[in-house]
PDB file of N, CA and C in Angstrom:
ATOM      1  N   UNK A   1       0.852  -1.174   0.000  1.00  0.00           N
ATOM      2  CA  UNK A   1       0.000   0.000   0.000  1.00  0.00           C
ATOM      3  C   UNK A   1       0.896   1.235   0.000  1.00  0.00           C
ATOM      4  N   UNK A   2       0.623   2.162  -0.901  1.00  0.00           N
ATOM      5  CA  UNK A   2       1.382   3.410  -0.927  1.00  0.00           C
ATOM      6  C   UNK A   2       0.555   4.527  -0.276  1.00  0.00           C
ATOM      7  N   UNK A   3       1.089   5.740  -0.275  1.00  0.00           N
ATOM      8  CA  UNK A   3       0.434   6.846   0.417  1.00  0.00           C
ATOM      9  C   UNK A   3      -0.940   7.156  -0.183  1.00  0.00           C
ATOM     10  N   UNK A   4      -1.053   7.121  -1.498  1.00  0.00           N
ATOM     11  CA  UNK A   4      -2.339   7.409  -2.152  1.00  0.00           C
ATOM     12  C   UNK A   4      -3.395   6.378  -1.760  1.00  0.00           C
ATOM     13  N   UNK A   5      -3.000   5.130  -1.748  1.00  0.00           N
ATOM     14  CA  UNK A   5      -3.942   4.071  -1.359  1.00  0.00           C
ATOM     15  C   UNK A   5      -4.336   4.204   0.108  1.00  0.00           C
ATOM     16  N   UNK A   6      -3.390   4.615   0.950  1.00  0.00           N
ATOM     17  CA  UNK A   6      -3.692   4.818   2.363  1.00  0.00           C
ATOM     18  C   UNK A   6      -4.664   5.983   2.542  1.00  0.00           C
ATOM     19  N   UNK A   7      -4.466   7.059   1.799  1.00  0.00           N
ATOM     20  CA  UNK A   7      -5.394   8.200   1.859  1.00  0.00           C
ATOM     21  C   UNK A   7      -6.789   7.770   1.421  1.00  0.00           C
ATOM     22  N   UNK A   8      -6.881   6.985   0.356  1.00  0.00           N
ATOM     23  CA  UNK A   8      -8.185   6.475  -0.096  1.00  0.00           C
ATOM     24  C   UNK A   8      -8.853   5.645   0.999  1.00  0.00           C
ATOM     25  N   UNK A   9      -8.068   4.794   1.651  1.00  0.00           N
ATOM     26  CA  UNK A   9      -8.600   3.934   2.707  1.00  0.00           C
ATOM     27  C   UNK A   9      -9.097   4.769   3.891  1.00  0.00           C
ATOM     28  N   UNK A  10      -8.309   5.762   4.300  1.00  0.00           N
ATOM     29  CA  UNK A  10      -8.706   6.629   5.414  1.00  0.00           C
ATOM     30  C   UNK A  10      -9.986   7.374   5.073  1.00  0.00           C
ATOM     31  N   UNK A  11     -10.060   7.916   3.855  1.00  0.00           N
ATOM     32  CA  UNK A  11     -11.251   8.668   3.433  1.00  0.00           C
ATOM     33  C   UNK A  11     -12.493   7.791   3.463  1.00  0.00           C
ATOM     34  N   UNK A  12     -12.349   6.559   3.006  1.00  0.00           N
ATOM     35  CA  UNK A  12     -13.490   5.643   2.967  1.00  0.00           C
ATOM     36  C   UNK A  12     -13.912   5.222   4.380  1.00  0.00           C
ATOM     37  N   UNK A  13     -12.947   4.857   5.225  1.00  0.00           N
ATOM     38  CA  UNK A  13     -13.267   4.393   6.571  1.00  0.00           C
ATOM     39  C   UNK A  13     -13.812   5.502   7.467  1.00  0.00           C
ATOM     40  N   UNK A  14     -13.289   6.718   7.326  1.00  0.00           N
ATOM     41  CA  UNK A  14     -13.713   7.826   8.184  1.00  0.00           C
ATOM     42  C   UNK A  14     -14.849   8.633   7.572  1.00  0.00           C
ATOM     43  N   UNK A  15     -15.251   8.277   6.346  1.00  0.00           N
ATOM     44  CA  UNK A  15     -16.323   8.974   5.633  1.00  0.00           C
ATOM     45  C   UNK A  15     -16.024  10.474   5.526  1.00  0.00           C
ATOM     46  N   UNK A  16     -14.798  10.768   5.043  1.00  0.00           N
ATOM     47  CA  UNK A  16     -14.383  12.154   4.807  1.00  0.00           C
ATOM     48  C   UNK A  16     -13.819  12.238   3.391  1.00  0.00           C
ATOM     49  N   UNK A  17     -13.583  13.452   2.934  1.00  0.00           N
ATOM     50  CA  UNK A  17     -13.053  13.622   1.584  1.00  0.00           C
ATOM     51  C   UNK A  17     -11.590  13.167   1.528  1.00  0.00           C
ATOM     52  N   UNK A  18     -11.141  12.889   0.315  1.00  0.00           N
ATOM     53  CA  UNK A  18      -9.752  12.477   0.136  1.00  0.00           C
ATOM     54  C   UNK A  18      -8.801  13.612   0.510  1.00  0.00           C
ATOM     55  N   UNK A  19      -9.203  14.845   0.242  1.00  0.00           N
ATOM     56  CA  UNK A  19      -8.365  15.992   0.591  1.00  0.00           C
ATOM     57  C   UNK A  19      -8.189  16.088   2.103  1.00  0.00           C
ATOM     58  N   UNK A  20      -9.291  15.902   2.843  1.00  0.00           N
ATOM     59  CA  UNK A  20      -9.225  15.955   4.309  1.00  0.00           C
ATOM     60  C   UNK A  20      -8.400  14.786   4.843  1.00  0.00           C
ATOM     61  N   UNK A  21      -8.555  13.624   4.243  1.00  0.00           N
ATOM     62  CA  UNK A  21      -7.778  12.458   4.668  1.00  0.00           C
ATOM     63  C   UNK A  21      -6.297  12.679   4.402  1.00  0.00           C
ATOM     64  N   UNK A  22      -5.968  13.295   3.281  1.00  0.00           N
ATOM     65  CA  UNK A  22      -4.578  13.598   2.961  1.00  0.00           C
ATOM     66  C   UNK A  22      -3.972  14.572   3.950  1.00  0.00           C
ATOM     67  N   UNK A  23      -4.742  15.603   4.313  1.00  0.00           N
ATOM     68  CA  UNK A  23      -4.260  16.574   5.301  1.00  0.00           C
ATOM     69  C   UNK A  23      -4.074  15.913   6.660  1.00  0.00           C
ATOM     70  N   UNK A  24      -4.995  15.031   7.024  1.00  0.00           N
ATOM     71  CA  UNK A  24      -4.895  14.332   8.307  1.00  0.00           C
ATOM     72  C   UNK A  24      -3.657  13.439   8.343  1.00  0.00           C
ATOM     73  N   UNK A  25      -3.420  12.699   7.274  1.00  0.00           N
ATOM     74  CA  UNK A  25      -2.247  11.826   7.214  1.00  0.00           C
ATOM     75  C   UNK A  25      -0.961  12.649   7.261  1.00  0.00           C
ATOM     76  N   UNK A  26      -0.916  13.745   6.522  1.00  0.00           N
ATOM     77  CA  UNK A  26       0.261  14.618   6.539  1.00  0.00           C
ATOM     78  C   UNK A  26       0.502  15.181   7.936  1.00  0.00           C
ATOM     79  N   UNK A  27      -0.579  15.517   8.644  1.00  0.00           N
ATOM     80  CA  UNK A  27      -0.450  16.053  10.001  1.00  0.00           C
ATOM     81  C   UNK A  27       0.103  14.995  10.949  1.00  0.00           C
ATOM     82  N   UNK A  28      -0.342  13.758  10.812  1.00  0.00           N
ATOM     83  CA  UNK A  28       0.161  12.670  11.663  1.00  0.00           C
ATOM     84  C   UNK A  28       1.646  12.445  11.395  1.00  0.00           C
ATOM     85  N   UNK A  29       2.016  12.377  10.120  1.00  0.00           N
ATOM     86  CA  UNK A  29       3.416  12.152   9.764  1.00  0.00           C
ATOM     87  C   UNK A  29       4.289  13.299  10.279  1.00  0.00           C
ATOM     88  N   UNK A  30       3.823  14.529  10.125  1.00  0.00           N
ATOM     89  CA  UNK A  30       4.582  15.691  10.606  1.00  0.00           C
ATOM     90  C   UNK A  30       4.719  15.664  12.123  1.00  0.00           C
ATOM     91  N   UNK A  31       3.660  15.271  12.814  1.00  0.00           N
ATOM     92  CA  UNK A  31       3.706  15.188  14.275  1.00  0.00           C
ATOM     93  C   UNK A  31       4.713  14.158  14.754  1.00  0.00           C
ATOM     94  N   UNK A  32       4.717  12.993  14.112  1.00  0.00           N
ATOM     95  CA  UNK A  32       5.679  11.945  14.471  1.00  0.00           C
ATOM     96  C   UNK A  32       7.097  12.424  14.177  1.00  0.00           C
ATOM     97  N   UNK A  33       7.290  13.032  13.009  1.00  0.00           N
ATOM     98  CA  UNK A  33       8.622  13.510  12.610  1.00  0.00           C
ATOM     99  C   UNK A  33       9.147  14.569  13.584  1.00  0.00           C
ATOM    100  N   UNK A  34       8.308  15.541  13.948  1.00  0.00           N
ATOM    101  CA  UNK A  34       8.732  16.600  14.859  1.00  0.00           C
ATOM    102  C   UNK A  34       9.062  16.062  16.248  1.00  0.00           C
ATOM    103  N   UNK A  35       8.278  15.096  16.715  1.00  0.00           N
ATOM    104  CA  UNK A  35       8.531  14.506  18.024  1.00  0.00           C
ATOM    105  C   UNK A  35       9.842  13.735  18.021  1.00  0.00           C
ATOM    106  N   UNK A  36      10.103  12.985  16.942  1.00  0.00           N
ATOM    107  CA  UNK A  36      11.355  12.236  16.851  1.00  0.00           C
ATOM    108  C   UNK A  36      12.551  13.181  16.754  1.00  0.00           C
ATOM    109  N   UNK A  37      12.391  14.318  16.059  1.00  0.00           N
ATOM    110  CA  UNK A  37      13.479  15.302  15.964  1.00  0.00           C
ATOM    111  C   UNK A  37      13.872  15.817  17.339  1.00  0.00           C
ATOM    112  N   UNK A  38      12.887  15.942  18.242  1.00  0.00           N
ATOM    113  CA  UNK A  38      13.152  16.405  19.595  1.00  0.00           C
ATOM    114  C   UNK A  38      13.814  15.319  20.445  1.00  0.00           C
ATOM    115  N   UNK A  39      13.832  14.086  19.937  1.00  0.00           N
ATOM    116  CA  UNK A  39      14.441  12.981  20.676  1.00  0.00           C
ATOM    117  C   UNK A  39      13.446  12.190  21.502  1.00  0.00           C
ATOM    118  N   UNK A  40      12.167  12.523  21.403  1.00  0.00           N
ATOM    119  CA  UNK A  40      11.130  11.817  22.148  1.00  0.00           C
ATOM    120  C   UNK A  40      10.598  10.649  21.316  1.00  0.00           C
ATOM    121  N   UNK A  41       9.747   9.836  21.932  1.00  0.00           N
ATOM    122  CA  UNK A  41       9.144   8.722  21.209  1.00  0.00           C
ATOM    123  C   UNK A  41       7.641   8.953  21.083  1.00  0.00           C
ATOM    124  N   UNK A  42       7.031   8.272  20.116  1.00  0.00           N
ATOM    125  CA  UNK A  42       5.586   8.355  19.893  1.00  0.00           C
ATOM    126  C   UNK A  42       5.023   6.958  20.076  1.00  0.00           C
ATOM    127  N   UNK A  43       4.099   6.802  21.034  1.00  0.00           N
ATOM    128  CA  UNK A  43       3.494   5.505  21.303  1.00  0.00           C
ATOM    129  C   UNK A  43       2.029   5.541  20.907  1.00  0.00           C
ATOM    130  N   UNK A  44       1.643   4.645  20.009  1.00  0.00           N
ATOM    131  CA  UNK A  44       0.257   4.480  19.611  1.00  0.00           C
ATOM    132  C   UNK A  44      -0.187   3.134  20.181  1.00  0.00           C
ATOM    133  N   UNK A  45      -0.948   3.173  21.265  1.00  0.00           N
ATOM    134  CA  UNK A  45      -1.330   1.957  21.972  1.00  0.00           C
ATOM    135  C   UNK A  45      -2.037   0.997  21.015  1.00  0.00           C
ATOM    136  N   UNK A  46      -1.585  -0.232  21.003  1.00  0.00           N
ATOM    137  CA  UNK A  46      -2.164  -1.251  20.134  1.00  0.00           C
ATOM    138  C   UNK A  46      -1.507  -1.311  18.765  1.00  0.00           C
ATOM    139  N   UNK A  47      -0.747  -0.287  18.405  1.00  0.00           N
ATOM    140  CA  UNK A  47      -0.078  -0.271  17.104  1.00  0.00           C
ATOM    141  C   UNK A  47       1.424  -0.426  17.269  1.00  0.00           C
ATOM    142  N   UNK A  48       2.052   0.491  18.008  1.00  0.00           N
ATOM    143  CA  UNK A  48       3.489   0.388  18.222  1.00  0.00           C
ATOM    144  C   UNK A  48       4.095   1.698  18.675  1.00  0.00           C
ATOM    145  N   UNK A  49       5.433   1.693  18.736  1.00  0.00           N
ATOM    146  CA  UNK A  49       6.171   2.851  19.214  1.00  0.00           C
ATOM    147  C   UNK A  49       7.232   3.255  18.201  1.00  0.00           C
ATOM    148  N   UNK A  50       7.241   4.538  17.868  1.00  0.00           N
ATOM    149  CA  UNK A  50       8.288   5.114  17.038  1.00  0.00           C
ATOM    150  C   UNK A  50       9.282   5.750  17.999  1.00  0.00           C
ATOM    151  N   UNK A  51      10.570   5.464  17.821  1.00  0.00           N
ATOM    152  CA  UNK A  51      11.589   6.007  18.710  1.00  0.00           C
ATOM    153  C   UNK A  51      12.836   6.351  17.909  1.00  0.00           C
ATOM    154  N   UNK A  52      13.752   7.059  18.559  1.00  0.00           N
ATOM    155  CA  UNK A  52      15.015   7.422  17.929  1.00  0.00           C
ATOM    156  C   UNK A  52      16.099   6.503  18.479  1.00  0.00           C
ATOM    157  N   UNK A  53      16.823   5.863  17.583  1.00  0.00           N
ATOM    158  CA  UNK A  53      17.949   5.024  17.974  1.00  0.00           C
ATOM    159  C   UNK A  53      19.237   5.725  17.601  1.00  0.00           C
ATOM    160  N   UNK A  54      20.302   5.337  18.254  1.00  0.00           N
ATOM    161  CA  UNK A  54      21.595   5.941  17.960  1.00  0.00           C
ATOM    162  C   UNK A  54      22.508   4.877  17.367  1.00  0.00           C
ATOM    163  N   UNK A  55      23.100   5.201  16.242  1.00  0.00           N
ATOM    164  CA  UNK A  55      24.060   4.320  15.590  1.00  0.00           C
ATOM    165  C   UNK A  55      25.440   4.931  15.823  1.00  0.00           C
ATOM    166  N   UNK A  56      26.349   4.157  16.385  1.00  0.00           N
ATOM    167  CA  UNK A  56      27.680   4.678  16.691  1.00  0.00           C
ATOM    168  C   UNK A  56      28.519   4.789  15.422  1.00  0.00           C
ATOM    169  N   UNK A  57      29.560   5.596  15.512  1.00  0.00           N
ATOM    170  CA  UNK A  57      30.503   5.726  14.390  1.00  0.00           C
ATOM    171  C   UNK A  57      31.233   4.397  14.230  1.00  0.00           C
ATOM    172  N   UNK A  58      31.542   4.052  12.998  1.00  0.00           N
ATOM    173  CA  UNK A  58      32.214   2.782  12.755  1.00  0.00           C
ATOM    174  C   UNK A  58      33.041   2.866  11.485  1.00  0.00           C
ATOM    175  N   UNK A  59      33.831   1.854  11.253  1.00  0.00           N
ATOM    176  CA  UNK A  59      34.646   1.789  10.055  1.00  0.00           C
ATOM    177  C   UNK A  59      33.992   0.821   9.088  1.00  0.00           C
ATOM    178  N   UNK A  60      33.828   1.255   7.846  1.00  0.00           N
ATOM    179  CA  UNK A  60      33.242   0.412   6.810  1.00  0.00           C
ATOM    180  C   UNK A  60      34.240   0.181   5.697  1.00  0.00           C
ATOM    181  N   UNK A  61      33.794  -0.478   4.655  1.00  0.00           N
ATOM    182  CA  UNK A  61      34.654  -0.756   3.498  1.00  0.00           C
ATOM    183  C   UNK A  61      33.976  -0.269   2.230  1.00  0.00           C
ATOM    184  N   UNK A  62      34.752   0.350   1.362  1.00  0.00           N
ATOM    185  CA  UNK A  62      34.265   0.718   0.039  1.00  0.00           C
ATOM    186  C   UNK A  62      34.203  -0.578  -0.772  1.00  0.00           C
ATOM    187  N   UNK A  63      33.020  -0.966  -1.256  1.00  0.00           N
ATOM    188  CA  UNK A  63      32.898  -2.246  -1.948  1.00  0.00           C
ATOM    189  C   UNK A  63      33.695  -2.331  -3.253  1.00  0.00           C
ATOM    190  N   UNK A  64      33.949  -1.198  -3.883  1.00  0.00           N
ATOM    191  CA  UNK A  64      34.712  -1.226  -5.139  1.00  0.00           C
ATOM    192  C   UNK A  64      36.206  -1.394  -4.917  1.00  0.00           C
ATOM    193  N   UNK A  65      36.717  -0.615  -3.955  1.00  0.00           N
ATOM    194  CA  UNK A  65      38.169  -0.611  -3.774  1.00  0.00           C
ATOM    195  C   UNK A  65      38.633  -1.421  -2.573  1.00  0.00           C
ATOM    196  N   UNK A  66      37.735  -1.678  -1.641  1.00  0.00           N
ATOM    197  CA  UNK A  66      38.119  -2.383  -0.422  1.00  0.00           C
ATOM    198  C   UNK A  66      38.776  -1.469   0.600  1.00  0.00           C
ATOM    199  N   UNK A  67      38.877  -0.179   0.296  1.00  0.00           N
ATOM    200  CA  UNK A  67      39.502   0.769   1.207  1.00  0.00           C
ATOM    201  C   UNK A  67      38.606   1.017   2.414  1.00  0.00           C
ATOM    202  N   UNK A  68      39.223   1.206   3.579  1.00  0.00           N
ATOM    203  CA  UNK A  68      38.476   1.497   4.800  1.00  0.00           C
ATOM    204  C   UNK A  68      37.963   2.935   4.744  1.00  0.00           C
ATOM    205  N   UNK A  69      36.717   3.123   5.166  1.00  0.00           N
ATOM    206  CA  UNK A  69      36.134   4.462   5.239  1.00  0.00           C
ATOM    207  C   UNK A  69      35.479   4.638   6.601  1.00  0.00           C
ATOM    208  N   UNK A  70      35.416   5.874   7.063  1.00  0.00           N
ATOM    209  CA  UNK A  70      34.779   6.161   8.341  1.00  0.00           C
ATOM    210  C   UNK A  70      33.310   6.490   8.100  1.00  0.00           C
ATOM    211  N   UNK A  71      32.442   5.872   8.878  1.00  0.00           N
ATOM    212  CA  UNK A  71      31.011   6.149   8.812  1.00  0.00           C
ATOM    213  C   UNK A  71      30.654   6.886  10.095  1.00  0.00           C
ATOM    214  N   UNK A  72      30.076   8.088   9.951  1.00  0.00           N
ATOM    215  CA  UNK A  72      29.760   8.922  11.107  1.00  0.00           C
ATOM    216  C   UNK A  72      28.627   8.330  11.933  1.00  0.00           C
ATOM    217  N   UNK A  73      28.579   8.729  13.193  1.00  0.00           N
ATOM    218  CA  UNK A  73      27.472   8.365  14.072  1.00  0.00           C
ATOM    219  C   UNK A  73      26.203   9.017  13.534  1.00  0.00           C
ATOM    220  N   UNK A  74      25.068   8.378  13.762  1.00  0.00           N
ATOM    221  CA  UNK A  74      23.811   8.912  13.237  1.00  0.00           C
ATOM    222  C   UNK A  74      22.640   8.532  14.148  1.00  0.00           C
ATOM    223  N   UNK A  75      21.617   9.343  14.087  1.00  0.00           N
ATOM    224  CA  UNK A  75      20.345   9.019  14.739  1.00  0.00           C
ATOM    225  C   UNK A  75      19.468   8.364  13.683  1.00  0.00           C
ATOM    226  N   UNK A  76      18.815   7.270  14.051  1.00  0.00           N
ATOM    227  CA  UNK A  76      17.978   6.547  13.090  1.00  0.00           C
ATOM    228  C   UNK A  76      16.593   6.309  13.690  1.00  0.00           C
ATOM    229  N   UNK A  77      15.542   6.403  12.870  1.00  0.00           N
ATOM    230  CA  UNK A  77      14.204   6.108  13.374  1.00  0.00           C
ATOM    231  C   UNK A  77      14.027   4.595  13.537  1.00  0.00           C
ATOM    232  N   UNK A  78      13.329   4.219  14.598  1.00  0.00           N
ATOM    233  CA  UNK A  78      13.055   2.806  14.843  1.00  0.00           C
ATOM    234  C   UNK A  78      11.571   2.646  15.151  1.00  0.00           C
ATOM    235  N   UNK A  79      11.045   1.476  14.807  1.00  0.00           N
ATOM    236  CA  UNK A  79       9.646   1.171  15.102  1.00  0.00           C
ATOM    237  C   UNK A  79       9.592  -0.158  15.818  1.00  0.00           C
ATOM    238  N   UNK A  80       8.883  -0.186  16.945  1.00  0.00           N
ATOM    239  CA  UNK A  80       8.688  -1.411  17.699  1.00  0.00           C
ATOM    240  C   UNK A  80       7.185  -1.702  17.716  1.00  0.00           C
ATOM    241  N   UNK A  81       6.737  -2.769  17.054  1.00  0.00           N
ATOM    242  CA  UNK A  81       5.305  -3.049  16.981  1.00  0.00           C
ATOM    243  C   UNK A  81       4.719  -3.403  18.349  1.00  0.00           C
ATOM    244  N   UNK A  82       3.462  -3.031  18.536  1.00  0.00           N
ATOM    245  CA  UNK A  82       2.759  -3.339  19.773  1.00  0.00           C
ATOM    246  C   UNK A  82       2.174  -4.741  19.746  1.00  0.00           C
ATOM    247  N   UNK A  83       1.723  -5.200  20.891  1.00  0.00           N
ATOM    248  CA  UNK A  83       1.190  -6.556  21.016  1.00  0.00           C
ATOM    249  C   UNK A  83      -0.032  -6.777  20.127  1.00  0.00           C
ATOM    250  N   UNK A  84      -0.928  -5.806  20.071  1.00  0.00           N
ATOM    251  CA  UNK A  84      -2.138  -5.973  19.255  1.00  0.00           C
ATOM    252  C   UNK A  84      -1.792  -6.125  17.771  1.00  0.00           C
ATOM    253  N   UNK A  85      -0.793  -5.382  17.296  1.00  0.00           N
ATOM    254  CA  UNK A  85      -0.378  -5.499  15.900  1.00  0.00           C
ATOM    255  C   UNK A  85       0.245  -6.867  15.649  1.00  0.00           C
ATOM    256  N   UNK A  86       1.084  -7.303  16.557  1.00  0.00           N
ATOM    257  CA  UNK A  86       1.691  -8.637  16.414  1.00  0.00           C
ATOM    258  C   UNK A  86       0.626  -9.736  16.399  1.00  0.00           C
ATOM    259  N   UNK A  87      -0.342  -9.612  17.309  1.00  0.00           N
ATOM    260  CA  UNK A  87      -1.408 -10.615  17.393  1.00  0.00           C
ATOM    261  C   UNK A  87      -2.273 -10.623  16.145  1.00  0.00           C
ATOM    262  N   UNK A  88      -2.495  -9.443  15.539  1.00  0.00           N
ATOM    263  CA  UNK A  88      -3.318  -9.345  14.329  1.00  0.00           C
ATOM    264  C   UNK A  88      -2.639 -10.035  13.157  1.00  0.00           C
ATOM    265  N   UNK A  89      -1.310 -10.049  13.139  1.00  0.00           N
ATOM    266  CA  UNK A  89      -0.582 -10.682  12.043  1.00  0.00           C
ATOM    267  C   UNK A  89      -0.469 -12.185  12.214  1.00  0.00           C
ATOM    268  N   UNK A  90      -0.570 -12.659  13.437  1.00  0.00           N
ATOM    269  CA  UNK A  90      -0.430 -14.103  13.684  1.00  0.00           C
ATOM    270  C   UNK A  90      -1.750 -14.677  13.979  1.00  0.00           C
TER     271      UNK A  90
END
């Protein structure tokens, strides 16, 4: 499912226009993104938790030359599914 299909699904389930569903989805995504930028986590009970993980600096290899390269430390988004989501899939 892509973003357009998700907007269609939201519009149909919530009985709202596609434009309103698109704005709602964009607002949710922006809210999650802004919260993660602050370093906080977003928990949606029954669905899961979005959090910020930290990846340490490390040494990698250039696949073409085999030369060692330094990879900087980075913050990465992580998602941990909730119990209800896991149960729905199994």
